[in-house]
Amino acid sequence: MSRHLYIWLLRLLTPYVLLRIIWRGFSNPDYWRRIPERFGFIEPLPPPRAIWIHAVSVGEVRAAAPLVHELTVRYPEYPLLITTMTPTGSAQVRELFGGSVAHCYAPYDYPGAVERFLDRANPVMAVVMETELWPNIFHLCRARAIPVFVTNVRMSESSMRKYQRFAGLARATLRQVSRFAAQSRADAQRLLTLGAVPETVEVTGSIKFEINMGASLREAAEVLRLGWGQDRPVWLAASTHEGEEELVLAALAQLKRQARFANMLLVLVPRHPERFAAVARLCKKNHRIALRSETPGAIDPAVEILVGDTMGELQLFFGAADIAFIGGSLVPTGGHNLLEASAVGKPVVFGPHMFNFQEISQMTLERGAGVQIQSPHQLAPAVSDFLGNANRRDSAGLAGRKMVEENRGALTANMRLIEELLK
């Protein structure tokens, strides 16, 4: 497929795009706000020219945090503009960075929308988190001599096969990129297979290892744990998806039949905010629950489930829990980042579907920092093994912390590439 055919297909899909915004707005009204931004109608940015960082949603925004901090320190002369595609990503930008960065939604990949955005933003370079390949954005940036740096690239086998369906368009898009920073050799090889220029591809490791839980967050986690109950077994089900909560609740019921886990607390955090209320209703059918938004301090010992219905607190929950189950892995979503748990010395349990974090999950297993289960029936025994054995729990937690510490360095490599492009 050529880019011109791609543009015509986009135009034909315009009614669908608008209907999708309207439909998603019923579950999250934030989709109905700031719609003009998605078509390039943003407030013009005053000089000097900004470094534009694009992070699709919450996970990418959080992954970008170390890079944002380093850019702020090293290049104070360049303002930062962060774009997202989702309201939850937008909220995460405001929560993490406040007013220290400019923020808006990224334009849809229509040539007119992209041209308007570039006219008004006028970035000095574009930094794209992970594997967001936009033919018109990349082409028009190249036409304006705006370097495009795609960082923390994760290219799974399944993603590569999808791009190969449009091999010509994929190759042409990849060749507009100034530099790729790939998480692994396998990711780099898949980029090359799709047609990236070899000189533009470098393996830097994952920037997601650049996690630093500051002293204030550690203290907050300790205070939170005291409020939950220091002597209670606490496990966290993080970033769960539709169809997983029922499996987690079944495991909870199985665990609570054991006398030693009778006072167990489950902290359940759905991935998507629009599902908070539905998950709370599900939990309330058979359990006494509390909502994090209504219970910021100590909770009643009779509460069995704390529903994490707030944004930006997952790292705090990892710090306060004993172990973590990583959601999106018992359903074919591809899993989520488990390094936030490992960074604070907490063992992880995850299901068979971790294809979005294949190399990191494999490393976790090799280091003994967590376990992978193959079916929902194995969830309760896996959680029980860690909660019931302090030595095993501490050993796995230490292994995870060492794994994160020993694999840092991607940030330094990324900053070197950015420096080269800014020159």
Protein backbone atom coordinates (compact mmCIF):
# COMPACT_ATOMS: atom_id res chain seq x y z
CA MET A 1 0.00 0.00 0.00
CA SER A 2 1.30 3.48 -0.87
CA ARG A 3 0.95 6.49 1.44
CA HIS A 4 -1.47 8.13 -1.02
CA LEU A 5 -3.80 5.12 -0.86
CA TYR A 6 -3.45 5.18 2.95
CA ILE A 7 -4.54 8.85 2.94
CA TRP A 8 -7.64 8.05 0.87
CA LEU A 9 -8.54 5.18 3.19
CA LEU A 10 -8.22 7.53 6.16
CA ARG A 11 -10.60 9.94 4.50
CA LEU A 12 -13.12 7.18 3.88
CA LEU A 13 -12.84 6.18 7.54
CA THR A 14 -13.54 9.69 8.86
CA PRO A 15 -17.19 8.93 9.79
CA TYR A 16 -16.03 5.84 11.67
CA VAL A 17 -13.38 7.89 13.52
CA LEU A 18 -15.98 10.43 14.62
CA LEU A 19 -18.46 7.74 15.64
CA ARG A 20 -15.73 6.02 17.65
CA ILE A 21 -15.05 9.23 19.61
CA ILE A 22 -18.77 9.61 20.29
CA TRP A 23 -19.14 5.96 21.32
CA ARG A 24 -16.13 6.00 23.66
CA GLY A 25 -17.44 9.20 25.17
CA PHE A 26 -20.44 7.36 26.62
CA SER A 27 -18.11 5.39 28.91
CA ASN A 28 -15.60 8.22 29.37
CA PRO A 29 -16.97 11.73 28.67
CA ASP A 30 -13.43 13.08 28.46
CA TYR A 31 -13.37 11.76 24.88
CA TRP A 32 -15.91 14.47 24.01
CA ARG A 33 -13.68 17.25 25.29
CA ARG A 34 -10.91 18.96 23.29
CA ILE A 35 -11.90 17.19 20.05
CA PRO A 36 -10.40 20.01 17.89
CA GLU A 37 -6.94 19.13 19.23
CA ARG A 38 -7.21 15.73 17.55
CA PHE A 39 -7.42 17.56 14.21
CA GLY A 40 -4.46 19.85 14.84
CA PHE A 41 -6.32 22.84 16.27
CA ILE A 42 -4.03 23.50 19.23
CA GLU A 43 -2.90 26.72 20.84
CA PRO A 44 0.28 27.88 19.02
CA LEU A 45 3.37 27.30 21.14
CA PRO A 46 5.51 30.39 21.71
CA PRO A 47 9.24 30.24 20.95
CA PRO A 48 11.69 28.74 21.63
CA ARG A 49 10.95 25.56 19.71
CA ALA A 50 9.92 22.60 21.89
CA ILE A 51 10.97 18.97 22.00
CA TRP A 52 7.79 17.02 21.22
CA ILE A 53 7.30 13.75 23.11
CA HIS A 54 4.42 11.49 22.02
CA ALA A 55 3.20 8.87 24.51
CA VAL A 56 -0.05 7.13 23.59
CA SER A 57 -1.52 6.42 27.02
CA VAL A 58 -0.76 5.84 30.69
CA GLY A 59 1.92 3.16 30.30
CA GLU A 60 3.89 5.14 27.73
CA VAL A 61 3.62 8.35 29.77
CA ARG A 62 4.99 6.58 32.84
CA ALA A 63 7.78 5.02 30.77
CA ALA A 64 8.66 8.47 29.43
CA ALA A 65 9.01 10.00 32.92
CA PRO A 66 12.79 9.39 33.31
CA LEU A 67 13.39 10.79 29.83
CA VAL A 68 11.27 13.87 30.55
CA HIS A 69 13.19 14.51 33.76
CA GLU A 70 16.57 14.14 32.07
CA LEU A 71 15.59 16.41 29.18
CA THR A 72 14.40 19.05 31.63
CA VAL A 73 17.72 18.98 33.47
CA ARG A 74 20.03 18.72 30.47
CA TYR A 75 18.20 20.95 27.99
CA PRO A 76 16.41 23.66 29.98
CA GLU A 77 16.48 25.89 26.88
CA TYR A 78 13.98 23.59 25.14
CA PRO A 79 10.36 23.53 26.40
CA LEU A 80 8.69 20.11 26.35
CA LEU A 81 5.41 19.29 24.64
CA ILE A 82 3.85 15.93 25.54
CA THR A 83 1.01 14.53 23.48
CA THR A 84 -1.22 11.55 24.21
CA MET A 85 -4.12 9.82 22.48
CA THR A 86 -6.31 8.96 25.50
CA PRO A 87 -7.91 10.96 28.34
CA THR A 88 -6.23 8.66 30.89
CA GLY A 89 -2.87 9.40 29.30
CA SER A 90 -3.69 13.10 29.45
CA ALA A 91 -4.55 12.85 33.14
CA GLN A 92 -1.29 11.00 33.78
CA VAL A 93 0.71 13.80 32.13
CA ARG A 94 -0.89 16.37 34.41
CA GLU A 95 -0.39 14.17 37.46
CA LEU A 96 3.29 13.45 36.81
CA PHE A 97 4.45 16.74 35.34
CA GLY A 98 1.84 19.36 36.23
CA GLY A 99 2.44 22.65 34.47
CA SER A 100 6.14 21.99 33.83
CA VAL A 101 5.32 20.72 30.31
CA ALA A 102 2.91 21.75 27.58
CA HIS A 103 0.29 19.13 26.76
CA CYS A 104 -2.36 18.41 24.14
CA TYR A 105 -3.74 15.46 22.20
CA ALA A 106 -1.73 14.27 19.22
CA PRO A 107 -3.35 14.88 15.84
CA TYR A 108 -4.96 12.06 13.97
CA ASP A 109 -2.79 11.03 11.03
CA TYR A 110 -4.65 13.11 8.44
CA PRO A 111 -2.24 15.28 6.41
CA GLY A 112 -4.21 18.47 7.11
CA ALA A 113 -4.41 17.78 10.84
CA VAL A 114 -0.70 16.98 11.02
CA GLU A 115 0.23 20.10 9.01
CA ARG A 116 -1.85 22.29 11.34
CA PHE A 117 -0.29 20.68 14.40
CA LEU A 118 3.26 21.12 13.09
CA ASP A 119 2.55 24.73 12.09
CA ARG A 120 1.39 25.54 15.61
CA ALA A 121 3.75 23.35 17.64
CA ASN A 122 6.84 23.83 15.42
CA PRO A 123 8.90 21.21 17.33
CA VAL A 124 12.67 21.02 17.10
CA MET A 125 12.42 17.21 17.19
CA ALA A 126 9.86 14.45 17.78
CA VAL A 127 10.39 11.69 20.35
CA VAL A 128 7.89 8.85 19.91
CA MET A 129 7.55 6.34 22.75
CA GLU A 130 7.52 2.65 21.84
CA THR A 131 6.11 1.49 18.50
CA GLU A 132 3.73 4.15 17.23
CA LEU A 133 4.27 4.30 13.47
CA TRP A 134 2.31 7.10 11.79
CA PRO A 135 2.96 7.43 8.03
CA ASN A 136 1.86 11.06 7.62
CA ILE A 137 3.33 12.35 10.86
CA PHE A 138 6.70 10.79 10.08
CA HIS A 139 6.64 11.86 6.41
CA LEU A 140 5.69 15.47 7.17
CA CYS A 141 8.23 15.75 9.98
CA ARG A 142 10.91 14.56 7.56
CA ALA A 143 9.73 17.08 4.96
CA ARG A 144 10.24 19.86 7.52
CA ALA A 145 13.65 18.52 8.62
CA ILE A 146 12.28 17.65 12.08
CA PRO A 147 14.23 14.62 13.37
CA VAL A 148 12.03 11.70 14.46
CA PHE A 149 13.38 9.53 17.28
CA VAL A 150 11.37 6.38 18.08
CA THR A 151 12.50 5.12 21.46
CA ASN A 152 11.90 2.12 23.70
CA VAL A 153 10.81 0.21 20.61
CA ARG A 154 9.02 -3.06 21.27
CA MET A 155 8.19 -4.97 18.09
CA SER A 156 6.59 -8.33 18.80
CA GLU A 157 6.37 -11.12 16.24
CA SER A 158 2.61 -10.60 15.92
CA SER A 159 3.03 -6.82 15.43
CA MET A 160 5.63 -7.42 12.73
CA ARG A 161 3.26 -9.76 10.89
CA LYS A 162 0.51 -7.13 11.00
CA TYR A 163 2.82 -4.48 9.53
CA GLN A 164 3.93 -6.94 6.85
CA ARG A 165 0.39 -6.94 5.46
CA PHE A 166 1.21 -3.39 4.33
CA ALA A 167 4.87 -3.97 3.61
CA GLY A 168 5.38 -1.04 1.24
CA LEU A 169 3.77 1.50 3.54
CA ALA A 170 5.62 0.11 6.60
CA ARG A 171 8.98 0.28 4.82
CA ALA A 172 8.37 3.83 3.59
CA THR A 173 7.28 4.94 7.09
CA LEU A 174 10.26 3.37 8.86
CA ARG A 175 12.62 5.08 6.44
CA GLN A 176 11.41 8.50 7.57
CA VAL A 177 12.75 7.87 11.08
CA SER A 178 16.07 9.41 12.07
CA ARG A 179 16.86 6.96 14.91
CA PHE A 180 15.31 3.89 16.54
CA ALA A 181 16.24 2.85 20.09
CA ALA A 182 15.18 -0.81 20.33
CA GLN A 183 14.63 -2.62 23.61
CA SER A 184 16.28 -5.86 22.43
CA ARG A 185 18.12 -7.45 19.53
CA ALA A 186 14.93 -9.27 18.55
CA ASP A 187 13.04 -5.96 18.37
CA ALA A 188 15.84 -4.44 16.29
CA GLN A 189 15.88 -7.39 13.89
CA ARG A 190 12.14 -7.13 13.32
CA LEU A 191 12.52 -3.44 12.48
CA LEU A 192 15.19 -4.34 9.94
CA THR A 193 13.00 -7.09 8.50
CA LEU A 194 10.25 -4.51 7.97
CA GLY A 195 12.64 -2.23 6.11
CA ALA A 196 14.23 0.17 8.59
CA VAL A 197 17.59 1.60 7.52
CA PRO A 198 20.26 -0.40 9.43
CA GLU A 199 22.25 2.72 10.35
CA THR A 200 19.22 4.15 12.17
CA VAL A 201 18.63 1.15 14.48
CA GLU A 202 20.43 0.75 17.82
CA VAL A 203 19.77 -1.61 20.73
CA THR A 204 19.68 0.45 23.93
CA GLY A 205 17.64 -1.75 26.29
CA SER A 206 14.36 -0.77 27.87
CA ILE A 207 13.94 2.66 29.40
CA LYS A 208 11.39 1.01 31.68
CA PHE A 209 14.30 -0.24 33.80
CA GLU A 210 15.00 3.40 34.71
CA ILE A 211 12.68 3.23 37.71
CA ASN A 212 13.59 5.08 40.85
CA MET A 213 11.26 4.91 43.83
CA GLY A 214 12.25 8.01 45.77
CA ALA A 215 12.43 8.24 49.54
CA SER A 216 9.13 10.12 49.77
CA LEU A 217 7.30 7.39 47.83
CA ARG A 218 8.86 4.67 49.98
CA GLU A 219 7.75 6.49 53.12
CA ALA A 220 4.24 6.91 51.69
CA ALA A 221 4.11 3.18 50.89
CA GLU A 222 5.11 2.32 54.47
CA VAL A 223 2.42 4.60 55.87
CA LEU A 224 -0.15 3.13 53.49
CA ARG A 225 0.76 -0.41 54.53
CA LEU A 226 0.30 0.49 58.19
CA GLY A 227 -3.19 1.68 57.31
CA TRP A 228 -3.95 -1.56 55.50
CA GLY A 229 -2.69 -3.68 58.37
CA GLN A 230 0.93 -4.63 58.88
CA ASP A 231 0.09 -8.21 59.83
CA ARG A 232 -2.39 -8.87 57.02
CA PRO A 233 -1.26 -10.73 53.88
CA VAL A 234 -1.74 -8.24 51.01
CA TRP A 235 -1.64 -9.07 47.33
CA LEU A 236 -2.11 -6.67 44.48
CA ALA A 237 -3.88 -7.48 41.21
CA ALA A 238 -2.53 -4.73 38.97
CA SER A 239 -3.92 -3.48 35.65
CA THR A 240 -6.60 -6.14 35.27
CA HIS A 241 -8.76 -6.39 32.15
CA GLU A 242 -12.31 -7.50 31.48
CA GLY A 243 -12.61 -11.21 32.20
CA GLU A 244 -9.72 -11.26 34.68
CA GLU A 245 -11.45 -9.85 37.75
CA GLU A 246 -13.69 -12.92 38.00
CA LEU A 247 -10.59 -15.13 37.91
CA VAL A 248 -8.87 -13.05 40.59
CA LEU A 249 -11.96 -13.18 42.82
CA ALA A 250 -12.13 -16.96 42.42
CA ALA A 251 -8.49 -17.19 43.51
CA LEU A 252 -9.25 -14.91 46.49
CA ALA A 253 -12.11 -17.17 47.61
CA GLN A 254 -9.85 -20.21 47.31
CA LEU A 255 -7.09 -18.56 49.34
CA LYS A 256 -9.40 -17.35 52.11
CA ARG A 257 -10.49 -20.92 52.77
CA GLN A 258 -7.04 -21.41 54.30
CA ALA A 259 -6.95 -20.29 57.93
CA ARG A 260 -3.63 -18.46 57.54
CA PHE A 261 -5.13 -16.25 54.81
CA ALA A 262 -8.53 -15.65 56.40
CA ASN A 263 -7.74 -11.95 56.97
CA MET A 264 -6.15 -11.45 53.53
CA LEU A 265 -6.55 -8.12 51.71
CA LEU A 266 -6.78 -7.97 47.92
CA VAL A 267 -5.97 -4.65 46.28
CA LEU A 268 -7.62 -4.79 42.86
CA VAL A 269 -6.70 -2.12 40.29
CA PRO A 270 -8.47 -2.28 36.89
CA ARG A 271 -6.43 -1.06 33.94
CA HIS A 272 -9.07 1.31 32.52
CA PRO A 273 -10.79 3.98 34.65
CA GLU A 274 -14.07 3.60 32.80
CA ARG A 275 -14.34 0.10 34.36
CA PHE A 276 -13.77 1.19 37.98
CA ALA A 277 -17.47 1.31 38.86
CA ALA A 278 -18.34 -1.99 37.15
CA VAL A 279 -15.47 -3.79 38.88
CA ALA A 280 -16.51 -2.35 42.24
CA ARG A 281 -20.06 -3.65 41.71
CA LEU A 282 -18.70 -7.08 40.80
CA CYS A 283 -16.57 -7.25 43.94
CA LYS A 284 -19.38 -6.00 46.16
CA LYS A 285 -21.62 -8.96 45.30
CA ASN A 286 -19.78 -11.36 47.62
CA HIS A 287 -17.20 -9.30 49.46
CA ARG A 288 -16.90 -6.32 51.73
CA ILE A 289 -15.05 -3.67 49.77
CA ALA A 290 -13.62 -0.19 50.08
CA LEU A 291 -12.80 2.30 47.35
CA ARG A 292 -9.38 3.91 47.40
CA SER A 293 -10.93 7.23 46.33
CA GLU A 294 -13.05 7.19 49.52
CA THR A 295 -10.49 5.52 51.82
CA PRO A 296 -7.16 7.34 51.59
CA GLY A 297 -6.04 6.26 55.06
CA ALA A 298 -6.61 3.24 57.28
CA ILE A 299 -9.21 0.69 56.23
CA ASP A 300 -11.49 -1.44 58.36
CA PRO A 301 -9.97 -4.90 59.06
CA ALA A 302 -13.24 -6.43 57.85
CA VAL A 303 -12.65 -5.07 54.32
CA GLU A 304 -11.60 -7.88 52.00
CA ILE A 305 -11.00 -5.92 48.79
CA LEU A 306 -9.69 -2.43 48.20
CA VAL A 307 -10.61 -1.30 44.69
CA GLY A 308 -7.95 1.02 43.30
CA ASP A 309 -10.20 3.54 41.57
CA THR A 310 -7.63 6.34 41.45
CA MET A 311 -5.03 7.35 38.90
CA GLY A 312 -1.26 7.48 39.34
CA GLU A 313 -0.99 5.40 42.51
CA LEU A 314 -0.01 2.00 41.15
CA GLN A 315 3.68 2.39 42.06
CA LEU A 316 2.60 3.28 45.60
CA PHE A 317 0.46 0.12 45.75
CA PHE A 318 3.38 -2.02 44.54
CA GLY A 319 5.46 -0.60 47.38
CA ALA A 320 2.80 -1.37 50.00
CA ALA A 321 1.76 -4.89 48.88
CA ASP A 322 3.52 -8.22 49.55
CA ILE A 323 3.29 -9.60 46.01
CA ALA A 324 1.70 -8.59 42.72
CA PHE A 325 -0.26 -10.31 39.99
CA ILE A 326 0.27 -8.56 36.64
CA GLY A 327 -2.98 -8.16 34.72
CA GLY A 328 -3.54 -8.46 31.01
CA SER A 329 -1.78 -11.81 31.15
CA LEU A 330 -4.64 -14.24 31.86
CA VAL A 331 -6.48 -12.83 28.86
CA PRO A 332 -4.77 -12.38 25.47
CA THR A 333 -3.92 -8.71 25.98
CA GLY A 334 -0.16 -9.21 26.15
CA GLY A 335 0.50 -8.32 29.77
CA HIS A 336 1.81 -5.13 31.36
CA ASN A 337 5.04 -3.82 32.77
CA LEU A 338 6.14 -5.92 35.73
CA LEU A 339 9.30 -3.90 36.44
CA GLU A 340 7.53 -1.44 38.72
CA ALA A 341 6.92 -4.32 41.14
CA SER A 342 10.44 -5.73 40.74
CA ALA A 343 12.00 -2.30 41.32
CA VAL A 344 10.55 -2.22 44.84
CA GLY A 345 11.46 -5.82 45.61
CA LYS A 346 8.07 -7.45 45.16
CA PRO A 347 7.66 -10.90 43.53
CA VAL A 348 5.37 -11.07 40.53
CA VAL A 349 2.92 -13.65 39.23
CA PHE A 350 1.74 -13.44 35.62
CA GLY A 351 -0.21 -15.53 33.17
CA PRO A 352 0.66 -17.07 29.79
CA HIS A 353 -0.09 -13.99 27.67
CA MET A 354 2.97 -11.76 28.11
CA PHE A 355 3.87 -11.26 24.45
CA ASN A 356 4.13 -7.46 24.86
CA PHE A 357 6.86 -7.99 27.47
CA GLN A 358 8.35 -11.22 26.24
CA GLU A 359 12.01 -10.49 26.93
CA ILE A 360 11.42 -8.84 30.30
CA SER A 361 9.12 -11.64 31.49
CA GLN A 362 11.66 -14.25 30.36
CA MET A 363 14.40 -12.42 32.25
CA THR A 364 12.16 -12.30 35.33
CA LEU A 365 11.71 -16.07 35.23
CA GLU A 366 15.43 -16.71 34.69
CA ARG A 367 16.33 -14.48 37.64
CA GLY A 368 13.74 -16.12 39.90
CA ALA A 369 11.96 -12.80 40.45
CA GLY A 370 8.53 -14.19 39.67
CA VAL A 371 6.52 -17.12 38.32
CA GLN A 372 4.40 -17.65 35.25
CA ILE A 373 1.18 -19.61 35.47
CA GLN A 374 -0.48 -21.30 32.52
CA SER A 375 -4.09 -21.30 33.70
CA PRO A 376 -6.32 -19.35 36.12
CA HIS A 377 -6.49 -22.39 38.40
CA GLN A 378 -2.80 -21.92 39.19
CA LEU A 379 -3.22 -18.33 40.41
CA ALA A 380 -4.23 -19.13 44.00
CA PRO A 381 -1.42 -21.69 44.55
CA ALA A 382 1.17 -19.27 43.09
CA VAL A 383 0.03 -16.44 45.35
CA SER A 384 -0.09 -18.82 48.30
CA ASP A 385 3.47 -20.03 47.69
CA PHE A 386 4.82 -16.49 47.98
CA LEU A 387 2.59 -15.25 50.79
CA GLY A 388 3.12 -18.37 52.88
CA ASN A 389 6.90 -18.47 52.55
CA ALA A 390 8.68 -15.30 53.69
CA ASN A 391 12.12 -16.56 52.64
CA ARG A 392 10.96 -17.35 49.11
CA ARG A 393 9.14 -14.02 48.88
CA ASP A 394 12.18 -12.05 50.05
CA SER A 395 14.52 -13.97 47.75
CA ALA A 396 12.35 -13.34 44.69
CA GLY A 397 11.94 -9.69 45.63
CA LEU A 398 15.69 -9.21 45.99
CA ALA A 399 16.26 -10.92 42.62
CA GLY A 400 13.80 -8.53 40.99
CA ARG A 401 15.42 -5.47 42.50
CA LYS A 402 18.88 -6.61 41.34
CA MET A 403 17.53 -7.33 37.85
CA VAL A 404 16.25 -3.76 37.53
CA GLU A 405 19.44 -2.21 38.91
CA GLU A 406 21.73 -4.25 36.65
CA ASN A 407 19.80 -3.42 33.48
CA ARG A 408 19.73 0.33 33.85
CA GLY A 409 21.57 2.28 31.20
CA ALA A 410 18.96 2.77 28.47
CA LEU A 411 18.43 6.37 29.57
CA THR A 412 22.10 7.23 29.02
CA ALA A 413 22.04 5.65 25.56
CA ASN A 414 18.82 7.49 24.67
CA MET A 415 20.21 10.84 25.75
CA ARG A 416 23.30 10.28 23.60
CA LEU A 417 21.11 9.68 20.54
CA ILE A 418 18.98 12.72 21.32
CA GLU A 419 22.10 14.85 21.66
CA GLU A 420 23.27 13.70 18.22
CA LEU A 421 19.92 14.58 16.67
CA LEU A 422 19.72 17.99 18.31
CA LYS A 423 23.10 18.90 16.88
